[in-house]
Amino acid sequence: MVSKHHVIPSSRGGVHTCEIPDNFHQSWHHLFQNLTPEEIITFVIKLNNLMYSRNEVTWQDINSLINQIKGGK
């Protein structure tokens, strides 16, 4: 089964879609919520840095990081 994935989330003005496997699509949004592809790259780098600087990373830390990236900070 496939589903249409907005490359730029529709909630953020995106219109282009690409069909991808449904389970991958669900996993994508579970991990990256509605970040843009460029924001995901920043998120992965910042999360990696956070994991190297701490012994524990919480969901609160992750959500804070996502909100910071979406806010352009």
C-alpha atoms as a PDB file:
ATOM      1  CA  MET A   1       0.000   0.000   0.000  1.00  0.00           C
ATOM      2  CA  VAL A   2       1.239   3.519  -0.808  1.00  0.00           C
ATOM      3  CA  SER A   3       0.224   6.967   0.363  1.00  0.00           C
ATOM      4  CA  LYS A   4       0.820  10.483  -0.905  1.00  0.00           C
ATOM      5  CA  HIS A   5       3.502  12.324   1.014  1.00  0.00           C
ATOM      6  CA  HIS A   6       3.790  16.097   0.811  1.00  0.00           C
ATOM      7  CA  VAL A   7       7.494  16.869   0.412  1.00  0.00           C
ATOM      8  CA  ILE A   8       6.804  20.220   2.082  1.00  0.00           C
ATOM      9  CA  PRO A   9       3.973  19.547   4.578  1.00  0.00           C
ATOM     10  CA  SER A  10       0.566  20.732   3.377  1.00  0.00           C
ATOM     11  CA  SER A  11       0.081  22.380   6.789  1.00  0.00           C
ATOM     12  CA  ARG A  12       3.056  24.549   5.848  1.00  0.00           C
ATOM     13  CA  GLY A  13       1.937  25.392   2.324  1.00  0.00           C
ATOM     14  CA  GLY A  14       3.342  22.425   0.407  1.00  0.00           C
ATOM     15  CA  VAL A  15       1.546  21.160  -2.676  1.00  0.00           C
ATOM     16  CA  HIS A  16       3.952  18.659  -4.296  1.00  0.00           C
ATOM     17  CA  THR A  17       3.311  15.028  -3.358  1.00  0.00           C
ATOM     18  CA  CYS A  18       5.196  11.815  -3.917  1.00  0.00           C
ATOM     19  CA  GLU A  19       3.773   8.329  -3.432  1.00  0.00           C
ATOM     20  CA  ILE A  20       5.761   6.329  -0.885  1.00  0.00           C
ATOM     21  CA  PRO A  21       5.094   3.079   0.981  1.00  0.00           C
ATOM     22  CA  ASP A  22       2.480   3.712   3.661  1.00  0.00           C
ATOM     23  CA  ASN A  23       4.465   2.211   6.546  1.00  0.00           C
ATOM     24  CA  PHE A  24       7.478   4.362   5.595  1.00  0.00           C
ATOM     25  CA  HIS A  25       5.209   7.423   5.425  1.00  0.00           C
ATOM     26  CA  GLN A  26       3.867   6.770   8.921  1.00  0.00           C
ATOM     27  CA  SER A  27       7.383   6.245  10.272  1.00  0.00           C
ATOM     28  CA  TRP A  28       8.596   9.430   8.574  1.00  0.00           C
ATOM     29  CA  HIS A  29       5.986  11.556  10.360  1.00  0.00           C
ATOM     30  CA  HIS A  30       6.465   9.713  13.628  1.00  0.00           C
ATOM     31  CA  LEU A  31      10.166  10.626  13.569  1.00  0.00           C
ATOM     32  CA  PHE A  32      10.104  14.013  11.886  1.00  0.00           C
ATOM     33  CA  GLN A  33       6.547  15.301  12.453  1.00  0.00           C
ATOM     34  CA  ASN A  34       6.044  18.003   9.814  1.00  0.00           C
ATOM     35  CA  LEU A  35       9.606  19.251   9.372  1.00  0.00           C
ATOM     36  CA  THR A  36      10.732  20.173   5.876  1.00  0.00           C
ATOM     37  CA  PRO A  37      13.564  18.135   4.312  1.00  0.00           C
ATOM     38  CA  GLU A  38      16.069  20.913   5.063  1.00  0.00           C
ATOM     39  CA  GLU A  39      14.864  21.110   8.669  1.00  0.00           C
ATOM     40  CA  ILE A  40      15.254  17.332   9.016  1.00  0.00           C
ATOM     41  CA  ILE A  41      18.922  17.603   8.082  1.00  0.00           C
ATOM     42  CA  THR A  42      19.385  20.284  10.757  1.00  0.00           C
ATOM     43  CA  PHE A  43      17.393  18.189  13.249  1.00  0.00           C
ATOM     44  CA  VAL A  44      19.530  15.078  12.723  1.00  0.00           C
ATOM     45  CA  ILE A  45      22.771  17.053  13.134  1.00  0.00           C
ATOM     46  CA  LYS A  46      21.552  18.878  16.261  1.00  0.00           C
ATOM     47  CA  LEU A  47      20.138  15.688  17.769  1.00  0.00           C
ATOM     48  CA  ASN A  48      23.445  13.932  17.163  1.00  0.00           C
ATOM     49  CA  ASN A  49      25.285  16.772  18.907  1.00  0.00           C
ATOM     50  CA  LEU A  50      22.822  16.636  21.803  1.00  0.00           C
ATOM     51  CA  MET A  51      23.309  12.880  22.205  1.00  0.00           C
ATOM     52  CA  TYR A  52      27.097  13.341  22.325  1.00  0.00           C
ATOM     53  CA  SER A  53      26.815  16.077  24.948  1.00  0.00           C
ATOM     54  CA  ARG A  54      24.430  14.242  27.306  1.00  0.00           C
ATOM     55  CA  ASN A  55      23.904  10.845  28.856  1.00  0.00           C
ATOM     56  CA  GLU A  56      20.132  11.043  28.306  1.00  0.00           C
ATOM     57  CA  VAL A  57      17.827  12.746  25.789  1.00  0.00           C
ATOM     58  CA  THR A  58      14.108  12.929  26.597  1.00  0.00           C
ATOM     59  CA  TRP A  59      11.013  13.417  24.433  1.00  0.00           C
ATOM     60  CA  GLN A  60      10.828  16.909  25.908  1.00  0.00           C
ATOM     61  CA  ASP A  61      14.346  17.595  24.599  1.00  0.00           C
ATOM     62  CA  ILE A  62      13.431  16.226  21.172  1.00  0.00           C
ATOM     63  CA  ASN A  63      10.185  18.201  20.927  1.00  0.00           C
ATOM     64  CA  SER A  64      11.965  21.340  22.091  1.00  0.00           C
ATOM     65  CA  LEU A  65      14.573  20.840  19.389  1.00  0.00           C
ATOM     66  CA  ILE A  66      11.887  20.331  16.719  1.00  0.00           C
ATOM     67  CA  ASN A  67      10.055  23.478  17.823  1.00  0.00           C
ATOM     68  CA  GLN A  68      13.313  25.424  17.845  1.00  0.00           C
ATOM     69  CA  ILE A  69      14.085  24.309  14.280  1.00  0.00           C
ATOM     70  CA  LYS A  70      10.560  25.063  13.036  1.00  0.00           C
ATOM     71  CA  GLY A  71      10.831  28.500  14.626  1.00  0.00           C
ATOM     72  CA  GLY A  72      14.040  29.192  12.751  1.00  0.00           C
ATOM     73  CA  LYS A  73      16.162  29.592  15.863  1.00  0.00           C
END
